[in-house]
Amino acid sequence: MKKKLLLVVSILLLLAVLVPSTLLAATGAQNWQLNSTLSGTNYVMAKFPGPNSGQAQSFVTVNVSGSQTWISDQVSQGVTFPVDGPWDVEILSDVWSTADVTCSAVVGEWNSTSGFTAISAVVLPFSSVSGTTTTISKFVFQLSPFTVPAGDYLALKVTNTDYSAHKIKTGAGTSCVNSPSEDPGYPTPEVASIVLLGLGLVGLAGFGFFQYRKNRVSSSISSKS
């Protein structure tokens, strides 16, 4: 019995150390590929690497003055993004009518009740390069701190500001979203939640050890009696 209790306490202490550190190690810049797969009325942007990334190249049509929304293939567990670091969005499409009229892109969060909500951002210099068949539009944003609540999704909305419908190229090696190096590790919980998890495991381990000592003292007193 004593050996089993000590084993349980040891496992809990090990988890208290390893679980938070493993989750925290998942932080850093991340990449999402825009896919042509639908999730309800939205399209999916797949984290790379991941089970939904590497999709064959395809396209999504955005009509004149219309827009399309992509949501992450992973639901948020409650993640807060800091203000530091730029977000990069790269949109590959067919060729636009003019060199300086292309599309707009906005990073935000999406939920099933209110839909897409844009995040306040400072838009840094925009660039667009057109070849014979493809236009590459690059956006860089400095976003205000924002939280993607648990159950919601990180999202991107692309709006066609040209004079005709256009096809956004999707799949591996095409349109994508890149988060800053300060990304806390979407879709994992906030750091505060991870710390609380670790403290909870430590507390549980401490309680187990206290019970073990209490039982040991009680047994010693009983044997002397």
C-alpha atoms as a PDB file:
ATOM      1  CA  MET A   1       0.000   0.000   0.000  1.00  0.00           C
ATOM      2  CA  LYS A   2       2.804   2.400   0.970  1.00  0.00           C
ATOM      3  CA  LYS A   3       4.682   1.694  -2.240  1.00  0.00           C
ATOM      4  CA  LYS A   4       1.555   2.309  -4.346  1.00  0.00           C
ATOM      5  CA  LEU A   5       0.857   5.613  -2.605  1.00  0.00           C
ATOM      6  CA  LEU A   6       4.449   6.767  -3.065  1.00  0.00           C
ATOM      7  CA  LEU A   7       4.258   5.791  -6.736  1.00  0.00           C
ATOM      8  CA  VAL A   8       1.075   7.846  -7.226  1.00  0.00           C
ATOM      9  CA  VAL A   9       2.611  10.869  -5.473  1.00  0.00           C
ATOM     10  CA  SER A  10       5.751  10.594  -7.628  1.00  0.00           C
ATOM     11  CA  ILE A  11       3.690  10.441 -10.842  1.00  0.00           C
ATOM     12  CA  LEU A  12       1.652  13.503  -9.837  1.00  0.00           C
ATOM     13  CA  LEU A  13       4.786  15.505  -9.062  1.00  0.00           C
ATOM     14  CA  LEU A  14       6.289  14.489 -12.405  1.00  0.00           C
ATOM     15  CA  LEU A  15       3.128  15.567 -14.234  1.00  0.00           C
ATOM     16  CA  ALA A  16       3.124  18.871 -12.339  1.00  0.00           C
ATOM     17  CA  VAL A  17       6.544  19.609 -13.796  1.00  0.00           C
ATOM     18  CA  LEU A  18       6.214  18.118 -17.275  1.00  0.00           C
ATOM     19  CA  VAL A  19       2.675  19.113 -18.343  1.00  0.00           C
ATOM     20  CA  PRO A  20       3.042  22.914 -17.981  1.00  0.00           C
ATOM     21  CA  SER A  21       6.538  22.926 -19.451  1.00  0.00           C
ATOM     22  CA  THR A  22       5.393  20.833 -22.434  1.00  0.00           C
ATOM     23  CA  LEU A  23       2.461  23.143 -23.147  1.00  0.00           C
ATOM     24  CA  LEU A  24       4.569  26.265 -22.740  1.00  0.00           C
ATOM     25  CA  ALA A  25       7.160  24.815 -25.115  1.00  0.00           C
ATOM     26  CA  ALA A  26       4.489  24.912 -27.858  1.00  0.00           C
ATOM     27  CA  THR A  27       4.750  28.719 -28.058  1.00  0.00           C
ATOM     28  CA  GLY A  28       6.254  30.559 -31.037  1.00  0.00           C
ATOM     29  CA  ALA A  29       5.355  31.621 -34.586  1.00  0.00           C
ATOM     30  CA  GLN A  30       2.850  29.346 -36.328  1.00  0.00           C
ATOM     31  CA  ASN A  31       1.644  28.912 -39.901  1.00  0.00           C
ATOM     32  CA  TRP A  32      -1.882  28.252 -41.196  1.00  0.00           C
ATOM     33  CA  GLN A  33      -2.574  27.223 -44.795  1.00  0.00           C
ATOM     34  CA  LEU A  34      -5.811  28.418 -46.402  1.00  0.00           C
ATOM     35  CA  ASN A  35      -7.782  25.390 -47.605  1.00  0.00           C
ATOM     36  CA  SER A  36     -10.771  24.964 -49.906  1.00  0.00           C
ATOM     37  CA  THR A  37     -12.495  22.695 -47.359  1.00  0.00           C
ATOM     38  CA  LEU A  38     -15.742  24.081 -45.940  1.00  0.00           C
ATOM     39  CA  SER A  39     -16.605  24.129 -42.229  1.00  0.00           C
ATOM     40  CA  GLY A  40     -20.233  25.245 -42.217  1.00  0.00           C
ATOM     41  CA  THR A  41     -20.305  28.517 -44.172  1.00  0.00           C
ATOM     42  CA  ASN A  42     -16.585  29.177 -43.664  1.00  0.00           C
ATOM     43  CA  TYR A  43     -13.446  27.691 -45.119  1.00  0.00           C
ATOM     44  CA  VAL A  44     -10.727  25.999 -43.066  1.00  0.00           C
ATOM     45  CA  MET A  45      -7.218  27.290 -42.466  1.00  0.00           C
ATOM     46  CA  ALA A  46      -5.077  24.359 -41.371  1.00  0.00           C
ATOM     47  CA  LYS A  47      -2.176  24.638 -38.965  1.00  0.00           C
ATOM     48  CA  PHE A  48       1.087  23.491 -40.523  1.00  0.00           C
ATOM     49  CA  PRO A  49       2.322  20.936 -39.753  1.00  0.00           C
ATOM     50  CA  GLY A  50      -0.920  19.225 -38.852  1.00  0.00           C
ATOM     51  CA  PRO A  51      -3.421  16.570 -39.969  1.00  0.00           C
ATOM     52  CA  ASN A  52      -5.335  18.978 -42.241  1.00  0.00           C
ATOM     53  CA  SER A  53      -2.315  20.683 -43.825  1.00  0.00           C
ATOM     54  CA  GLY A  54      -0.725  19.726 -47.119  1.00  0.00           C
ATOM     55  CA  GLN A  55      -4.026  19.815 -49.017  1.00  0.00           C
ATOM     56  CA  ALA A  56      -3.775  19.649 -52.806  1.00  0.00           C
ATOM     57  CA  GLN A  57      -3.801  23.088 -54.414  1.00  0.00           C
ATOM     58  CA  SER A  58      -7.219  24.429 -55.338  1.00  0.00           C
ATOM     59  CA  PHE A  59      -9.020  27.790 -55.216  1.00  0.00           C
ATOM     60  CA  VAL A  60     -11.880  29.674 -53.548  1.00  0.00           C
ATOM     61  CA  THR A  61     -13.793  32.301 -55.525  1.00  0.00           C
ATOM     62  CA  VAL A  62     -14.430  35.710 -53.954  1.00  0.00           C
ATOM     63  CA  ASN A  63     -17.058  37.730 -55.799  1.00  0.00           C
ATOM     64  CA  VAL A  64     -16.971  41.475 -56.481  1.00  0.00           C
ATOM     65  CA  SER A  65     -17.231  43.371 -53.167  1.00  0.00           C
ATOM     66  CA  GLY A  66     -17.685  39.986 -51.511  1.00  0.00           C
ATOM     67  CA  SER A  67     -15.642  38.272 -48.828  1.00  0.00           C
ATOM     68  CA  GLN A  68     -14.733  34.817 -47.579  1.00  0.00           C
ATOM     69  CA  THR A  69     -13.790  33.791 -44.049  1.00  0.00           C
ATOM     70  CA  TRP A  70     -11.329  31.094 -43.055  1.00  0.00           C
ATOM     71  CA  ILE A  71     -11.354  29.683 -39.514  1.00  0.00           C
ATOM     72  CA  SER A  72      -8.679  27.623 -37.790  1.00  0.00           C
ATOM     73  CA  ASP A  73      -9.054  23.852 -37.909  1.00  0.00           C
ATOM     74  CA  GLN A  74      -8.562  23.864 -34.123  1.00  0.00           C
ATOM     75  CA  VAL A  75     -11.025  25.402 -31.663  1.00  0.00           C
ATOM     76  CA  SER A  76      -9.481  27.756 -29.105  1.00  0.00           C
ATOM     77  CA  GLN A  77      -9.116  26.628 -25.512  1.00  0.00           C
ATOM     78  CA  GLY A  78      -8.818  30.261 -24.415  1.00  0.00           C
ATOM     79  CA  VAL A  79      -5.730  31.994 -25.834  1.00  0.00           C
ATOM     80  CA  THR A  80      -4.538  35.584 -25.390  1.00  0.00           C
ATOM     81  CA  PHE A  81      -2.200  37.039 -28.030  1.00  0.00           C
ATOM     82  CA  PRO A  82       0.112  39.878 -26.899  1.00  0.00           C
ATOM     83  CA  VAL A  83       0.651  43.086 -28.855  1.00  0.00           C
ATOM     84  CA  ASP A  84       4.279  42.313 -29.734  1.00  0.00           C
ATOM     85  CA  GLY A  85       5.260  41.027 -33.158  1.00  0.00           C
ATOM     86  CA  PRO A  86       3.765  41.339 -36.654  1.00  0.00           C
ATOM     87  CA  TRP A  87       1.219  39.039 -38.284  1.00  0.00           C
ATOM     88  CA  ASP A  88       1.967  38.154 -41.918  1.00  0.00           C
ATOM     89  CA  VAL A  89      -0.765  37.244 -44.384  1.00  0.00           C
ATOM     90  CA  GLU A  90       0.108  36.118 -47.909  1.00  0.00           C
ATOM     91  CA  ILE A  91      -2.697  35.794 -50.465  1.00  0.00           C
ATOM     92  CA  LEU A  92      -2.055  34.125 -53.830  1.00  0.00           C
ATOM     93  CA  SER A  93      -4.706  34.668 -56.487  1.00  0.00           C
ATOM     94  CA  ASP A  94      -5.300  35.028 -60.183  1.00  0.00           C
ATOM     95  CA  VAL A  95      -4.158  38.328 -61.695  1.00  0.00           C
ATOM     96  CA  TRP A  96      -5.993  41.480 -60.575  1.00  0.00           C
ATOM     97  CA  SER A  97      -7.224  44.261 -62.847  1.00  0.00           C
ATOM     98  CA  THR A  98      -4.640  46.820 -61.720  1.00  0.00           C
ATOM     99  CA  ALA A  99      -1.373  46.700 -59.822  1.00  0.00           C
ATOM    100  CA  ASP A 100      -2.657  48.600 -56.782  1.00  0.00           C
ATOM    101  CA  VAL A 101      -6.247  47.290 -56.492  1.00  0.00           C
ATOM    102  CA  THR A 102      -6.315  43.802 -55.064  1.00  0.00           C
ATOM    103  CA  CYS A 103      -7.953  42.612 -51.867  1.00  0.00           C
ATOM    104  CA  SER A 104      -8.041  43.340 -48.161  1.00  0.00           C
ATOM    105  CA  ALA A 105      -7.297  40.848 -45.407  1.00  0.00           C
ATOM    106  CA  VAL A 106      -8.222  41.104 -41.719  1.00  0.00           C
ATOM    107  CA  VAL A 107      -7.254  38.838 -38.801  1.00  0.00           C
ATOM    108  CA  GLY A 108      -9.917  38.240 -36.175  1.00  0.00           C
ATOM    109  CA  GLU A 109     -11.866  35.665 -34.214  1.00  0.00           C
ATOM    110  CA  TRP A 110     -15.043  33.800 -35.098  1.00  0.00           C
ATOM    111  CA  ASN A 111     -17.856  32.259 -33.083  1.00  0.00           C
ATOM    112  CA  SER A 112     -21.149  30.673 -34.046  1.00  0.00           C
ATOM    113  CA  THR A 113     -23.272  33.491 -32.555  1.00  0.00           C
ATOM    114  CA  SER A 114     -21.690  36.753 -33.692  1.00  0.00           C
ATOM    115  CA  GLY A 115     -19.658  35.446 -36.617  1.00  0.00           C
ATOM    116  CA  PHE A 116     -16.412  37.215 -37.537  1.00  0.00           C
ATOM    117  CA  THR A 117     -14.989  39.994 -35.345  1.00  0.00           C
ATOM    118  CA  ALA A 118     -11.964  41.889 -36.670  1.00  0.00           C
ATOM    119  CA  ILE A 119      -9.078  42.714 -34.344  1.00  0.00           C
ATOM    120  CA  SER A 120      -7.906  46.329 -34.163  1.00  0.00           C
ATOM    121  CA  ALA A 121      -4.667  46.579 -36.098  1.00  0.00           C
ATOM    122  CA  VAL A 122      -2.045  48.901 -37.492  1.00  0.00           C
ATOM    123  CA  VAL A 123      -1.500  47.931 -41.140  1.00  0.00           C
ATOM    124  CA  LEU A 124       2.163  48.052 -42.096  1.00  0.00           C
ATOM    125  CA  PRO A 125       3.370  48.619 -45.695  1.00  0.00           C
ATOM    126  CA  PHE A 126       1.502  46.415 -48.197  1.00  0.00           C
ATOM    127  CA  SER A 127       3.073  44.778 -51.220  1.00  0.00           C
ATOM    128  CA  SER A 128       1.620  43.168 -54.325  1.00  0.00           C
ATOM    129  CA  VAL A 129       3.493  41.404 -57.108  1.00  0.00           C
ATOM    130  CA  SER A 130       1.771  40.172 -60.273  1.00  0.00           C
ATOM    131  CA  GLY A 131       3.056  37.639 -62.758  1.00  0.00           C
ATOM    132  CA  THR A 132       1.391  36.328 -65.901  1.00  0.00           C
ATOM    133  CA  THR A 133      -1.024  34.073 -63.967  1.00  0.00           C
ATOM    134  CA  THR A 134      -0.659  34.919 -60.277  1.00  0.00           C
ATOM    135  CA  THR A 135      -0.803  37.940 -57.976  1.00  0.00           C
ATOM    136  CA  ILE A 136       0.896  37.665 -54.582  1.00  0.00           C
ATOM    137  CA  SER A 137      -0.509  40.122 -52.031  1.00  0.00           C
ATOM    138  CA  LYS A 138       1.356  40.443 -48.734  1.00  0.00           C
ATOM    139  CA  PHE A 139      -0.143  42.083 -45.643  1.00  0.00           C
ATOM    140  CA  VAL A 140       1.629  42.806 -42.347  1.00  0.00           C
ATOM    141  CA  PHE A 141      -0.371  43.732 -39.249  1.00  0.00           C
ATOM    142  CA  GLN A 142       0.547  44.951 -35.778  1.00  0.00           C
ATOM    143  CA  LEU A 143      -2.468  43.739 -33.820  1.00  0.00           C
ATOM    144  CA  SER A 144      -3.722  45.025 -30.481  1.00  0.00           C
ATOM    145  CA  PRO A 145      -3.697  42.414 -27.682  1.00  0.00           C
ATOM    146  CA  PHE A 146      -6.685  40.101 -28.134  1.00  0.00           C
ATOM    147  CA  THR A 147      -8.172  36.925 -26.742  1.00  0.00           C
ATOM    148  CA  VAL A 148      -9.769  34.105 -28.688  1.00  0.00           C
ATOM    149  CA  PRO A 149     -12.201  32.765 -26.049  1.00  0.00           C
ATOM    150  CA  ALA A 150     -12.577  29.053 -25.432  1.00  0.00           C
ATOM    151  CA  GLY A 151     -14.912  27.582 -28.031  1.00  0.00           C
ATOM    152  CA  ASP A 152     -14.173  30.283 -30.639  1.00  0.00           C
ATOM    153  CA  TYR A 153     -11.759  30.203 -33.578  1.00  0.00           C
ATOM    154  CA  LEU A 154      -8.846  32.249 -34.858  1.00  0.00           C
ATOM    155  CA  ALA A 155     -10.009  33.564 -38.250  1.00  0.00           C
ATOM    156  CA  LEU A 156      -9.094  35.481 -41.401  1.00  0.00           C
ATOM    157  CA  LYS A 157     -11.453  37.440 -43.665  1.00  0.00           C
ATOM    158  CA  VAL A 158     -10.463  38.261 -47.253  1.00  0.00           C
ATOM    159  CA  THR A 159     -12.483  40.866 -49.170  1.00  0.00           C
ATOM    160  CA  ASN A 160     -12.391  41.437 -52.925  1.00  0.00           C
ATOM    161  CA  THR A 161     -11.830  45.155 -53.632  1.00  0.00           C
ATOM    162  CA  ASP A 162     -11.340  44.714 -57.362  1.00  0.00           C
ATOM    163  CA  TYR A 163     -13.854  45.129 -60.189  1.00  0.00           C
ATOM    164  CA  SER A 164     -14.338  41.453 -60.987  1.00  0.00           C
ATOM    165  CA  ALA A 165     -14.541  38.117 -59.174  1.00  0.00           C
ATOM    166  CA  HIS A 166     -11.231  36.463 -58.279  1.00  0.00           C
ATOM    167  CA  LYS A 167      -9.919  33.078 -57.277  1.00  0.00           C
ATOM    168  CA  ILE A 168      -7.854  32.782 -54.069  1.00  0.00           C
ATOM    169  CA  LYS A 169      -5.353  29.968 -54.410  1.00  0.00           C
ATOM    170  CA  THR A 170      -5.467  27.475 -51.533  1.00  0.00           C
ATOM    171  CA  GLY A 171      -3.624  24.382 -50.338  1.00  0.00           C
ATOM    172  CA  ALA A 172       0.035  23.582 -49.724  1.00  0.00           C
ATOM    173  CA  GLY A 173       2.508  26.290 -50.758  1.00  0.00           C
ATOM    174  CA  THR A 174      -0.124  28.949 -51.481  1.00  0.00           C
ATOM    175  CA  SER A 175      -2.093  31.447 -49.343  1.00  0.00           C
ATOM    176  CA  CYS A 176      -1.264  31.425 -45.643  1.00  0.00           C
ATOM    177  CA  VAL A 177      -1.294  33.222 -42.272  1.00  0.00           C
ATOM    178  CA  ASN A 178       1.776  33.501 -40.034  1.00  0.00           C
ATOM    179  CA  SER A 179       1.507  34.478 -36.371  1.00  0.00           C
ATOM    180  CA  PRO A 180       4.311  36.358 -34.532  1.00  0.00           C
ATOM    181  CA  SER A 181       7.010  34.681 -32.478  1.00  0.00           C
ATOM    182  CA  GLU A 182       5.111  35.783 -29.359  1.00  0.00           C
ATOM    183  CA  ASP A 183       2.227  33.434 -30.251  1.00  0.00           C
ATOM    184  CA  PRO A 184       1.363  31.755 -26.904  1.00  0.00           C
ATOM    185  CA  GLY A 185       0.739  28.446 -28.662  1.00  0.00           C
ATOM    186  CA  TYR A 186      -2.800  28.592 -30.087  1.00  0.00           C
ATOM    187  CA  PRO A 187      -5.083  26.695 -29.442  1.00  0.00           C
ATOM    188  CA  THR A 188      -3.710  25.741 -26.016  1.00  0.00           C
ATOM    189  CA  PRO A 189      -4.923  27.413 -22.801  1.00  0.00           C
ATOM    190  CA  GLU A 190      -3.587  30.723 -21.556  1.00  0.00           C
ATOM    191  CA  VAL A 191      -0.353  30.620 -19.525  1.00  0.00           C
ATOM    192  CA  ALA A 192      -2.337  31.397 -16.371  1.00  0.00           C
ATOM    193  CA  SER A 193      -4.427  28.256 -16.878  1.00  0.00           C
ATOM    194  CA  ILE A 194      -1.307  26.174 -17.423  1.00  0.00           C
ATOM    195  CA  VAL A 195       0.231  27.507 -14.205  1.00  0.00           C
ATOM    196  CA  LEU A 196      -2.981  26.745 -12.311  1.00  0.00           C
ATOM    197  CA  LEU A 197      -2.917  23.219 -13.701  1.00  0.00           C
ATOM    198  CA  GLY A 198       0.627  22.752 -12.441  1.00  0.00           C
ATOM    199  CA  LEU A 199      -0.237  24.152  -9.008  1.00  0.00           C
ATOM    200  CA  GLY A 200      -3.267  21.871  -8.825  1.00  0.00           C
ATOM    201  CA  LEU A 201      -1.156  18.817  -9.548  1.00  0.00           C
ATOM    202  CA  VAL A 202       1.420  19.889  -6.958  1.00  0.00           C
ATOM    203  CA  GLY A 203      -1.366  20.395  -4.407  1.00  0.00           C
ATOM    204  CA  LEU A 204      -2.830  16.979  -5.164  1.00  0.00           C
ATOM    205  CA  ALA A 205       0.586  15.380  -4.799  1.00  0.00           C
ATOM    206  CA  GLY A 206       1.133  17.217  -1.512  1.00  0.00           C
ATOM    207  CA  PHE A 207      -2.229  16.066  -0.192  1.00  0.00           C
ATOM    208  CA  GLY A 208      -1.374  12.479  -1.081  1.00  0.00           C
ATOM    209  CA  PHE A 209       1.964  12.723   0.673  1.00  0.00           C
ATOM    210  CA  PHE A 210       0.303  14.281   3.744  1.00  0.00           C
ATOM    211  CA  GLN A 211      -2.199  11.414   3.871  1.00  0.00           C
ATOM    212  CA  TYR A 212       0.660   8.950   3.573  1.00  0.00           C
ATOM    213  CA  ARG A 213       2.513  10.537   6.504  1.00  0.00           C
ATOM    214  CA  LYS A 214      -0.678  10.710   8.556  1.00  0.00           C
ATOM    215  CA  ASN A 215      -1.447   7.041   7.967  1.00  0.00           C
ATOM    216  CA  ARG A 216       2.147   6.122   8.763  1.00  0.00           C
ATOM    217  CA  VAL A 217       2.061   7.988  12.090  1.00  0.00           C
ATOM    218  CA  SER A 218      -1.310   6.449  12.960  1.00  0.00           C
ATOM    219  CA  SER A 219       0.026   2.979  12.197  1.00  0.00           C
ATOM    220  CA  SER A 220       3.098   3.621  14.353  1.00  0.00           C
ATOM    221  CA  ILE A 221       0.971   4.763  17.306  1.00  0.00           C
ATOM    222  CA  SER A 222      -1.343   1.746  16.919  1.00  0.00           C
ATOM    223  CA  SER A 223       1.584  -0.676  16.881  1.00  0.00           C
ATOM    224  CA  LYS A 224       3.014   0.826  20.079  1.00  0.00           C
ATOM    225  CA  SER A 225      -0.333   0.544  21.802  1.00  0.00           C
END
